[in-house]
Amino acid sequence: MRNFLLACFLLVGITTVGNAQNHPGTNSPAEKAKELQKQLKLNNEQTIKIEKIYEESSRKFDKIKTDAHGDNAKMLTAIKPLRTTTIAKIKAVLTTKQTVKYEQLLKESKNTGGSGWGDGWSAPN
């Protein structure tokens, strides 16, 4: 019985680690841009521009995180303008139809308990 329980816990642990590696928040800027390319039917030029926007946002987020020294309130305050700017930059690359769909994705993400980004802007590179 003990071996059976040990095997079950081992299986659950391996499954959890495997799923954690696929978590959307861990995607690189390139992966996030590719995901938006699929969802919004972006052309290659748009995808490259959005990847660069994500890279810049990720660098700025890392700096904010470092400067906050673990102070979540300070970090959240500093992130708000970054989020707003990043979304605006992404929208500037999109067509009107894509912008509508992007706003819907952001809203859906927020409604499902996400931050409202829908695209994991803060993940490390």
C-alpha atoms as a PDB file:
ATOM      1  CA  MET A   1       0.000   0.000   0.000  1.00  0.00           C
ATOM      2  CA  ARG A   2       2.805   2.382   0.894  1.00  0.00           C
ATOM      3  CA  ASN A   3       4.498   1.765  -2.472  1.00  0.00           C
ATOM      4  CA  PHE A   4       1.231   2.460  -4.253  1.00  0.00           C
ATOM      5  CA  LEU A   5       0.819   5.809  -2.458  1.00  0.00           C
ATOM      6  CA  LEU A   6       4.429   6.701  -3.182  1.00  0.00           C
ATOM      7  CA  ALA A   7       3.891   5.930  -6.863  1.00  0.00           C
ATOM      8  CA  CYS A   8       0.745   8.101  -6.904  1.00  0.00           C
ATOM      9  CA  PHE A   9       2.534  11.051  -5.309  1.00  0.00           C
ATOM     10  CA  LEU A  10       5.428  10.664  -7.723  1.00  0.00           C
ATOM     11  CA  LEU A  11       3.043  10.654 -10.688  1.00  0.00           C
ATOM     12  CA  VAL A  12       1.232  13.763  -9.405  1.00  0.00           C
ATOM     13  CA  GLY A  13       4.568  15.532  -8.871  1.00  0.00           C
ATOM     14  CA  ILE A  14       5.819  14.745 -12.367  1.00  0.00           C
ATOM     15  CA  THR A  15       2.512  15.868 -13.884  1.00  0.00           C
ATOM     16  CA  THR A  16       2.602  19.126 -11.928  1.00  0.00           C
ATOM     17  CA  VAL A  17       6.148  19.922 -13.015  1.00  0.00           C
ATOM     18  CA  GLY A  18       5.281  19.121 -16.622  1.00  0.00           C
ATOM     19  CA  ASN A  19       2.261  21.418 -16.560  1.00  0.00           C
ATOM     20  CA  ALA A  20       4.179  24.223 -14.869  1.00  0.00           C
ATOM     21  CA  GLN A  21       6.557  24.265 -17.814  1.00  0.00           C
ATOM     22  CA  ASN A  22       3.622  24.954 -20.147  1.00  0.00           C
ATOM     23  CA  HIS A  23       2.169  27.785 -18.053  1.00  0.00           C
ATOM     24  CA  PRO A  24       1.375  30.801 -20.254  1.00  0.00           C
ATOM     25  CA  GLY A  25       3.154  33.188 -17.909  1.00  0.00           C
ATOM     26  CA  THR A  26       6.467  31.546 -18.717  1.00  0.00           C
ATOM     27  CA  ASN A  27       6.329  32.130 -22.475  1.00  0.00           C
ATOM     28  CA  SER A  28       9.068  34.152 -24.114  1.00  0.00           C
ATOM     29  CA  PRO A  29       8.202  37.352 -25.999  1.00  0.00           C
ATOM     30  CA  ALA A  30       8.543  35.413 -29.266  1.00  0.00           C
ATOM     31  CA  GLU A  31       6.124  32.716 -28.084  1.00  0.00           C
ATOM     32  CA  LYS A  32       3.630  35.334 -26.883  1.00  0.00           C
ATOM     33  CA  ALA A  33       3.821  37.130 -30.224  1.00  0.00           C
ATOM     34  CA  LYS A  34       3.280  33.832 -32.074  1.00  0.00           C
ATOM     35  CA  GLU A  35       0.251  33.098 -29.890  1.00  0.00           C
ATOM     36  CA  LEU A  36      -1.231  36.494 -30.726  1.00  0.00           C
ATOM     37  CA  GLN A  37      -0.405  35.834 -34.380  1.00  0.00           C
ATOM     38  CA  LYS A  38      -2.623  32.757 -34.231  1.00  0.00           C
ATOM     39  CA  GLN A  39      -5.417  34.406 -32.258  1.00  0.00           C
ATOM     40  CA  LEU A  40      -5.528  37.665 -34.221  1.00  0.00           C
ATOM     41  CA  LYS A  41      -4.301  36.418 -37.616  1.00  0.00           C
ATOM     42  CA  LEU A  42      -1.329  38.793 -37.602  1.00  0.00           C
ATOM     43  CA  ASN A  43       0.987  39.027 -40.576  1.00  0.00           C
ATOM     44  CA  ASN A  44       4.722  38.429 -40.084  1.00  0.00           C
ATOM     45  CA  GLU A  45       5.572  42.145 -39.896  1.00  0.00           C
ATOM     46  CA  GLN A  46       2.985  42.699 -37.136  1.00  0.00           C
ATOM     47  CA  THR A  47       4.251  39.657 -35.250  1.00  0.00           C
ATOM     48  CA  ILE A  48       7.845  40.939 -35.304  1.00  0.00           C
ATOM     49  CA  LYS A  49       6.756  44.387 -34.074  1.00  0.00           C
ATOM     50  CA  ILE A  50       4.696  42.887 -31.263  1.00  0.00           C
ATOM     51  CA  GLU A  51       7.562  40.610 -30.235  1.00  0.00           C
ATOM     52  CA  LYS A  52       9.766  43.706 -29.876  1.00  0.00           C
ATOM     53  CA  ILE A  53       7.064  45.398 -27.790  1.00  0.00           C
ATOM     54  CA  TYR A  54       6.934  42.345 -25.512  1.00  0.00           C
ATOM     55  CA  GLU A  55      10.734  42.288 -25.217  1.00  0.00           C
ATOM     56  CA  GLU A  56      10.807  45.944 -24.193  1.00  0.00           C
ATOM     57  CA  SER A  57       7.960  45.445 -21.704  1.00  0.00           C
ATOM     58  CA  SER A  58       9.647  42.403 -20.240  1.00  0.00           C
ATOM     59  CA  ARG A  59      12.897  44.339 -19.684  1.00  0.00           C
ATOM     60  CA  LYS A  60      11.002  47.198 -18.049  1.00  0.00           C
ATOM     61  CA  PHE A  61       9.016  44.779 -15.898  1.00  0.00           C
ATOM     62  CA  ASP A  62      12.220  43.099 -14.725  1.00  0.00           C
ATOM     63  CA  LYS A  63      13.615  46.500 -13.733  1.00  0.00           C
ATOM     64  CA  ILE A  64      10.410  47.394 -11.880  1.00  0.00           C
ATOM     65  CA  LYS A  65      10.531  44.065 -10.065  1.00  0.00           C
ATOM     66  CA  THR A  66      14.170  44.594  -9.088  1.00  0.00           C
ATOM     67  CA  ASP A  67      13.597  48.185  -7.962  1.00  0.00           C
ATOM     68  CA  ALA A  68      10.585  47.188  -5.839  1.00  0.00           C
ATOM     69  CA  HIS A  69      12.729  44.885  -3.656  1.00  0.00           C
ATOM     70  CA  GLY A  70       9.766  42.613  -2.920  1.00  0.00           C
ATOM     71  CA  ASP A  71       7.317  45.455  -2.196  1.00  0.00           C
ATOM     72  CA  ASN A  72       4.273  44.235  -4.131  1.00  0.00           C
ATOM     73  CA  ALA A  73       2.301  47.446  -3.629  1.00  0.00           C
ATOM     74  CA  LYS A  74       5.147  49.507  -5.068  1.00  0.00           C
ATOM     75  CA  MET A  75       5.543  47.066  -7.938  1.00  0.00           C
ATOM     76  CA  LEU A  76       1.829  47.050  -8.800  1.00  0.00           C
ATOM     77  CA  THR A  77       1.760  50.845  -8.832  1.00  0.00           C
ATOM     78  CA  ALA A  78       4.749  50.986 -11.186  1.00  0.00           C
ATOM     79  CA  ILE A  79       3.343  48.298 -13.474  1.00  0.00           C
ATOM     80  CA  LYS A  80       0.061  50.058 -14.279  1.00  0.00           C
ATOM     81  CA  PRO A  81       1.594  52.645 -16.650  1.00  0.00           C
ATOM     82  CA  LEU A  82       3.735  49.931 -18.264  1.00  0.00           C
ATOM     83  CA  ARG A  83       0.641  47.809 -18.889  1.00  0.00           C
ATOM     84  CA  THR A  84      -1.267  50.741 -20.373  1.00  0.00           C
ATOM     85  CA  THR A  85       1.650  51.709 -22.619  1.00  0.00           C
ATOM     86  CA  THR A  86       2.253  48.141 -23.780  1.00  0.00           C
ATOM     87  CA  ILE A  87      -1.393  47.620 -24.696  1.00  0.00           C
ATOM     88  CA  ALA A  88      -1.452  50.945 -26.564  1.00  0.00           C
ATOM     89  CA  LYS A  89       1.688  50.017 -28.512  1.00  0.00           C
ATOM     90  CA  ILE A  90       0.218  46.634 -29.457  1.00  0.00           C
ATOM     91  CA  LYS A  91      -3.057  48.229 -30.558  1.00  0.00           C
ATOM     92  CA  ALA A  92      -1.111  50.662 -32.763  1.00  0.00           C
ATOM     93  CA  VAL A  93       0.218  47.674 -34.739  1.00  0.00           C
ATOM     94  CA  LEU A  94      -3.211  46.071 -35.191  1.00  0.00           C
ATOM     95  CA  THR A  95      -5.958  46.643 -37.720  1.00  0.00           C
ATOM     96  CA  THR A  96      -9.372  47.792 -36.471  1.00  0.00           C
ATOM     97  CA  LYS A  97     -10.739  44.241 -36.628  1.00  0.00           C
ATOM     98  CA  GLN A  98      -7.710  42.836 -34.798  1.00  0.00           C
ATOM     99  CA  THR A  99      -7.990  45.540 -32.126  1.00  0.00           C
ATOM    100  CA  VAL A 100     -11.583  44.532 -31.390  1.00  0.00           C
ATOM    101  CA  LYS A 101     -10.526  40.892 -31.015  1.00  0.00           C
ATOM    102  CA  TYR A 102      -7.501  41.885 -28.876  1.00  0.00           C
ATOM    103  CA  GLU A 103      -9.708  43.899 -26.515  1.00  0.00           C
ATOM    104  CA  GLN A 104     -11.996  40.878 -26.254  1.00  0.00           C
ATOM    105  CA  LEU A 105      -9.014  38.660 -25.364  1.00  0.00           C
ATOM    106  CA  LEU A 106      -7.931  41.112 -22.665  1.00  0.00           C
ATOM    107  CA  LYS A 107     -11.441  41.240 -21.228  1.00  0.00           C
ATOM    108  CA  GLU A 108     -11.781  37.433 -21.279  1.00  0.00           C
ATOM    109  CA  SER A 109      -8.468  37.048 -19.492  1.00  0.00           C
ATOM    110  CA  LYS A 110      -9.522  39.487 -16.779  1.00  0.00           C
ATOM    111  CA  ASN A 111     -12.895  37.740 -16.388  1.00  0.00           C
ATOM    112  CA  THR A 112     -11.204  34.362 -15.887  1.00  0.00           C
ATOM    113  CA  GLY A 113      -9.082  35.639 -13.021  1.00  0.00           C
ATOM    114  CA  GLY A 114      -6.117  36.862 -15.027  1.00  0.00           C
ATOM    115  CA  SER A 115      -4.563  40.291 -14.881  1.00  0.00           C
ATOM    116  CA  GLY A 116      -6.374  41.456 -17.968  1.00  0.00           C
ATOM    117  CA  TRP A 117      -3.306  41.181 -20.128  1.00  0.00           C
ATOM    118  CA  GLY A 118      -4.298  38.000 -21.855  1.00  0.00           C
ATOM    119  CA  ASP A 119      -0.815  37.760 -23.278  1.00  0.00           C
ATOM    120  CA  GLY A 120       1.583  37.297 -20.362  1.00  0.00           C
ATOM    121  CA  TRP A 121       3.594  40.454 -20.914  1.00  0.00           C
ATOM    122  CA  SER A 122       5.630  40.093 -17.735  1.00  0.00           C
ATOM    123  CA  ALA A 123       7.269  36.746 -18.337  1.00  0.00           C
ATOM    124  CA  PRO A 124      11.048  36.618 -18.298  1.00  0.00           C
ATOM    125  CA  ASN A 125      12.931  36.162 -21.572  1.00  0.00           C
END
